[in-house]
C-alpha atoms as a PDB file:
ATOM      1  CA  UNK A   1       0.827 -25.352   2.939  1.00  0.00           C
ATOM      2  CA  UNK A   2      -0.033 -22.633   5.470  1.00  0.00           C
ATOM      3  CA  UNK A   3      -3.232 -20.785   4.473  1.00  0.00           C
ATOM      4  CA  UNK A   4      -2.349 -17.869   6.731  1.00  0.00           C
ATOM      5  CA  UNK A   5       1.036 -17.101   5.156  1.00  0.00           C
ATOM      6  CA  UNK A   6      -0.211 -13.734   3.940  1.00  0.00           C
ATOM      7  CA  UNK A   7      -1.721 -12.675   7.278  1.00  0.00           C
ATOM      8  CA  UNK A   8       0.210 -10.473   9.675  1.00  0.00           C
ATOM      9  CA  UNK A   9      -0.375  -9.054  13.140  1.00  0.00           C
ATOM     10  CA  UNK A  10       0.518  -5.481  13.861  1.00  0.00           C
ATOM     11  CA  UNK A  11       1.283  -3.841  17.151  1.00  0.00           C
ATOM     12  CA  UNK A  12      -0.003  -0.548  18.450  1.00  0.00           C
ATOM     13  CA  UNK A  13       1.449   0.757  21.723  1.00  0.00           C
ATOM     14  CA  UNK A  14       2.549  -2.743  22.696  1.00  0.00           C
ATOM     15  CA  UNK A  15      -0.912  -4.314  22.319  1.00  0.00           C
ATOM     16  CA  UNK A  16      -1.616  -6.638  19.409  1.00  0.00           C
ATOM     17  CA  UNK A  17      -4.334  -5.387  17.070  1.00  0.00           C
ATOM     18  CA  UNK A  18      -6.527  -7.329  14.676  1.00  0.00           C
ATOM     19  CA  UNK A  19      -4.819  -9.567  12.163  1.00  0.00           C
ATOM     20  CA  UNK A  20      -4.731  -8.341   8.583  1.00  0.00           C
ATOM     21  CA  UNK A  21      -4.054  -9.757   5.127  1.00  0.00           C
ATOM     22  CA  UNK A  22      -0.989  -8.450   3.306  1.00  0.00           C
ATOM     23  CA  UNK A  23      -2.037  -7.276  -0.147  1.00  0.00           C
ATOM     24  CA  UNK A  24       0.264  -8.128  -3.053  1.00  0.00           C
ATOM     25  CA  UNK A  25       2.166  -5.017  -4.135  1.00  0.00           C
ATOM     26  CA  UNK A  26       4.323  -4.256  -7.182  1.00  0.00           C
ATOM     27  CA  UNK A  27       6.906  -1.495  -6.713  1.00  0.00           C
ATOM     28  CA  UNK A  28       8.411   0.110  -9.791  1.00  0.00           C
ATOM     29  CA  UNK A  29      11.281   2.568  -9.494  1.00  0.00           C
ATOM     30  CA  UNK A  30      12.568   4.885 -12.181  1.00  0.00           C
ATOM     31  CA  UNK A  31      14.694   8.043 -12.257  1.00  0.00           C
ATOM     32  CA  UNK A  32      11.769  10.240 -11.163  1.00  0.00           C
ATOM     33  CA  UNK A  33      10.542   8.157  -8.176  1.00  0.00           C
ATOM     34  CA  UNK A  34       8.537   5.048  -7.309  1.00  0.00           C
ATOM     35  CA  UNK A  35       5.088   3.774  -8.235  1.00  0.00           C
ATOM     36  CA  UNK A  36       3.299   1.167  -6.124  1.00  0.00           C
ATOM     37  CA  UNK A  37       0.422  -0.972  -7.386  1.00  0.00           C
ATOM     38  CA  UNK A  38      -1.489  -2.679  -4.545  1.00  0.00           C
ATOM     39  CA  UNK A  39      -4.245  -5.232  -5.191  1.00  0.00           C
ATOM     40  CA  UNK A  40      -7.076  -4.568  -2.718  1.00  0.00           C
ATOM     41  CA  UNK A  41     -10.121  -6.517  -3.954  1.00  0.00           C
ATOM     42  CA  UNK A  42     -13.309  -5.855  -1.992  1.00  0.00           C
ATOM     43  CA  UNK A  43     -12.057  -2.531  -0.579  1.00  0.00           C
ATOM     44  CA  UNK A  44     -13.961   0.682  -1.323  1.00  0.00           C
ATOM     45  CA  UNK A  45     -12.448   4.154  -1.534  1.00  0.00           C
ATOM     46  CA  UNK A  46     -14.260   5.052   1.697  1.00  0.00           C
ATOM     47  CA  UNK A  47     -12.603   2.223   3.659  1.00  0.00           C
ATOM     48  CA  UNK A  48      -9.119   2.750   2.198  1.00  0.00           C
ATOM     49  CA  UNK A  49      -6.600   4.585   4.371  1.00  0.00           C
ATOM     50  CA  UNK A  50      -3.107   5.703   3.340  1.00  0.00           C
ATOM     51  CA  UNK A  51      -0.673   7.141   5.879  1.00  0.00           C
ATOM     52  CA  UNK A  52       2.578   8.626   4.689  1.00  0.00           C
ATOM     53  CA  UNK A  53       4.994   9.644   7.417  1.00  0.00           C
ATOM     54  CA  UNK A  54       8.613  10.738   7.274  1.00  0.00           C
ATOM     55  CA  UNK A  55      10.044   7.352   6.397  1.00  0.00           C
ATOM     56  CA  UNK A  56       7.067   4.977   6.266  1.00  0.00           C
ATOM     57  CA  UNK A  57       3.956   4.274   4.235  1.00  0.00           C
ATOM     58  CA  UNK A  58       0.988   2.328   5.591  1.00  0.00           C
ATOM     59  CA  UNK A  59      -1.817   1.010   3.388  1.00  0.00           C
ATOM     60  CA  UNK A  60      -4.981  -0.174   5.172  1.00  0.00           C
ATOM     61  CA  UNK A  61      -8.371  -1.169   3.836  1.00  0.00           C
ATOM     62  CA  UNK A  62     -11.523  -2.868   5.066  1.00  0.00           C
ATOM     63  CA  UNK A  63     -12.972  -5.609   2.874  1.00  0.00           C
ATOM     64  CA  UNK A  64     -16.734  -5.493   2.371  1.00  0.00           C
ATOM     65  CA  UNK A  65     -17.906  -9.093   2.241  1.00  0.00           C
ATOM     66  CA  UNK A  66     -21.582  -9.428   1.441  1.00  0.00           C
ATOM     67  CA  UNK A  67     -22.959 -12.917   1.919  1.00  0.00           C
ATOM     68  CA  UNK A  68     -26.631 -13.494   1.135  1.00  0.00           C
ATOM     69  CA  UNK A  69     -28.696 -14.007   4.283  1.00  0.00           C
ATOM     70  CA  UNK A  70     -29.793 -17.557   3.487  1.00  0.00           C
ATOM     71  CA  UNK A  71     -26.330 -18.733   2.335  1.00  0.00           C
ATOM     72  CA  UNK A  72     -23.726 -20.430   4.496  1.00  0.00           C
ATOM     73  CA  UNK A  73     -20.048 -20.626   3.542  1.00  0.00           C
ATOM     74  CA  UNK A  74     -18.426 -24.062   3.490  1.00  0.00           C
ATOM     75  CA  UNK A  75     -14.977 -22.657   2.601  1.00  0.00           C
ATOM     76  CA  UNK A  76     -13.613 -19.127   2.865  1.00  0.00           C
ATOM     77  CA  UNK A  77     -10.330 -17.876   1.419  1.00  0.00           C
ATOM     78  CA  UNK A  78     -10.726 -14.507   3.137  1.00  0.00           C
ATOM     79  CA  UNK A  79     -10.709 -15.078   6.883  1.00  0.00           C
ATOM     80  CA  UNK A  80      -9.711 -11.544   7.895  1.00  0.00           C
ATOM     81  CA  UNK A  81     -11.727  -8.636   6.440  1.00  0.00           C
ATOM     82  CA  UNK A  82      -8.826  -6.175   6.468  1.00  0.00           C
ATOM     83  CA  UNK A  83      -5.665  -5.426   4.491  1.00  0.00           C
ATOM     84  CA  UNK A  84      -2.597  -3.798   6.016  1.00  0.00           C
ATOM     85  CA  UNK A  85       0.907  -3.329   4.685  1.00  0.00           C
ATOM     86  CA  UNK A  86       3.707  -1.029   5.828  1.00  0.00           C
ATOM     87  CA  UNK A  87       6.779   0.022   3.846  1.00  0.00           C
ATOM     88  CA  UNK A  88       9.940   1.829   4.890  1.00  0.00           C
ATOM     89  CA  UNK A  89      10.641   4.678   2.486  1.00  0.00           C
ATOM     90  CA  UNK A  90      13.912   6.174   1.344  1.00  0.00           C
ATOM     91  CA  UNK A  91      14.706   9.715   2.458  1.00  0.00           C
ATOM     92  CA  UNK A  92      15.196  10.528  -1.226  1.00  0.00           C
ATOM     93  CA  UNK A  93      11.410  10.409  -1.776  1.00  0.00           C
ATOM     94  CA  UNK A  94       9.193  13.489  -1.480  1.00  0.00           C
ATOM     95  CA  UNK A  95       6.035  12.375   0.319  1.00  0.00           C
ATOM     96  CA  UNK A  96       4.529  15.864   0.040  1.00  0.00           C
ATOM     97  CA  UNK A  97       4.084  15.349  -3.706  1.00  0.00           C
ATOM     98  CA  UNK A  98       2.638  11.825  -3.553  1.00  0.00           C
ATOM     99  CA  UNK A  99      -0.465  11.086  -5.647  1.00  0.00           C
ATOM    100  CA  UNK A 100      -2.886   8.161  -5.439  1.00  0.00           C
ATOM    101  CA  UNK A 101      -5.527   6.647  -7.720  1.00  0.00           C
ATOM    102  CA  UNK A 102      -7.909   3.829  -6.817  1.00  0.00           C
ATOM    103  CA  UNK A 103      -9.763   2.004  -9.567  1.00  0.00           C
ATOM    104  CA  UNK A 104     -11.331  -1.479  -9.725  1.00  0.00           C
ATOM    105  CA  UNK A 105      -9.644  -2.604  -6.492  1.00  0.00           C
ATOM    106  CA  UNK A 106      -6.148  -1.529  -7.542  1.00  0.00           C
ATOM    107  CA  UNK A 107      -4.339   1.295  -5.770  1.00  0.00           C
ATOM    108  CA  UNK A 108      -1.735   3.208  -7.777  1.00  0.00           C
ATOM    109  CA  UNK A 109       0.475   5.368  -5.570  1.00  0.00           C
ATOM    110  CA  UNK A 110       3.223   7.529  -7.051  1.00  0.00           C
ATOM    111  CA  UNK A 111       5.897   9.114  -4.873  1.00  0.00           C
ATOM    112  CA  UNK A 112       8.444  11.280  -6.713  1.00  0.00           C
ATOM    113  CA  UNK A 113      12.059  11.651  -5.688  1.00  0.00           C
ATOM    114  CA  UNK A 114      12.980  14.856  -3.895  1.00  0.00           C
ATOM    115  CA  UNK A 115      14.468  17.538  -6.109  1.00  0.00           C
ATOM    116  CA  UNK A 116      17.972  17.007  -4.670  1.00  0.00           C
ATOM    117  CA  UNK A 117      17.829  13.272  -5.456  1.00  0.00           C
ATOM    118  CA  UNK A 118      16.689  13.557  -9.069  1.00  0.00           C
ATOM    119  CA  UNK A 119      19.265  13.180 -11.808  1.00  0.00           C
ATOM    120  CA  UNK A 120      20.104  16.370 -13.574  1.00  0.00           C
ATOM    121  CA  UNK A 121      22.084  17.234 -16.633  1.00  0.00           C
ATOM    122  CA  UNK A 122      25.104  19.463 -16.174  1.00  0.00           C
ATOM    123  CA  UNK A 123      25.577  21.965 -18.935  1.00  0.00           C
ATOM    124  CA  UNK A 124      29.086  22.367 -20.299  1.00  0.00           C
ATOM    125  CA  UNK A 125      30.256  25.884 -21.113  1.00  0.00           C
ATOM    126  CA  UNK A 126      32.785  26.484 -23.880  1.00  0.00           C
ATOM    127  CA  UNK A 127      35.776  28.463 -22.606  1.00  0.00           C
END
């Protein structure tokens, strides 16, 4: 089994940047939009960065690993102290109205559908 299956490398202007872990993410879609739940253990609000562009969302966070000074690790599951994950978004979503909450290492990001993409009821007039 490959221990680095959840580690990716990203590129920035053609140069490879630091490797990053891919956080597990649940995406739930309903008629009003999407909600993402990303597990980011060890990340603080201050080291969490969300970038929402026209058609992409990037989640990045630095992991704060505190190891006591006189302790040495014999095995480490976290080899890269950074999370990064990028998603391609539908044009039906309205990024301007996105909201985010971060609590106990779990990011909840809600992005509603644009007004034109939301279902609407058509009223029937009696003739």
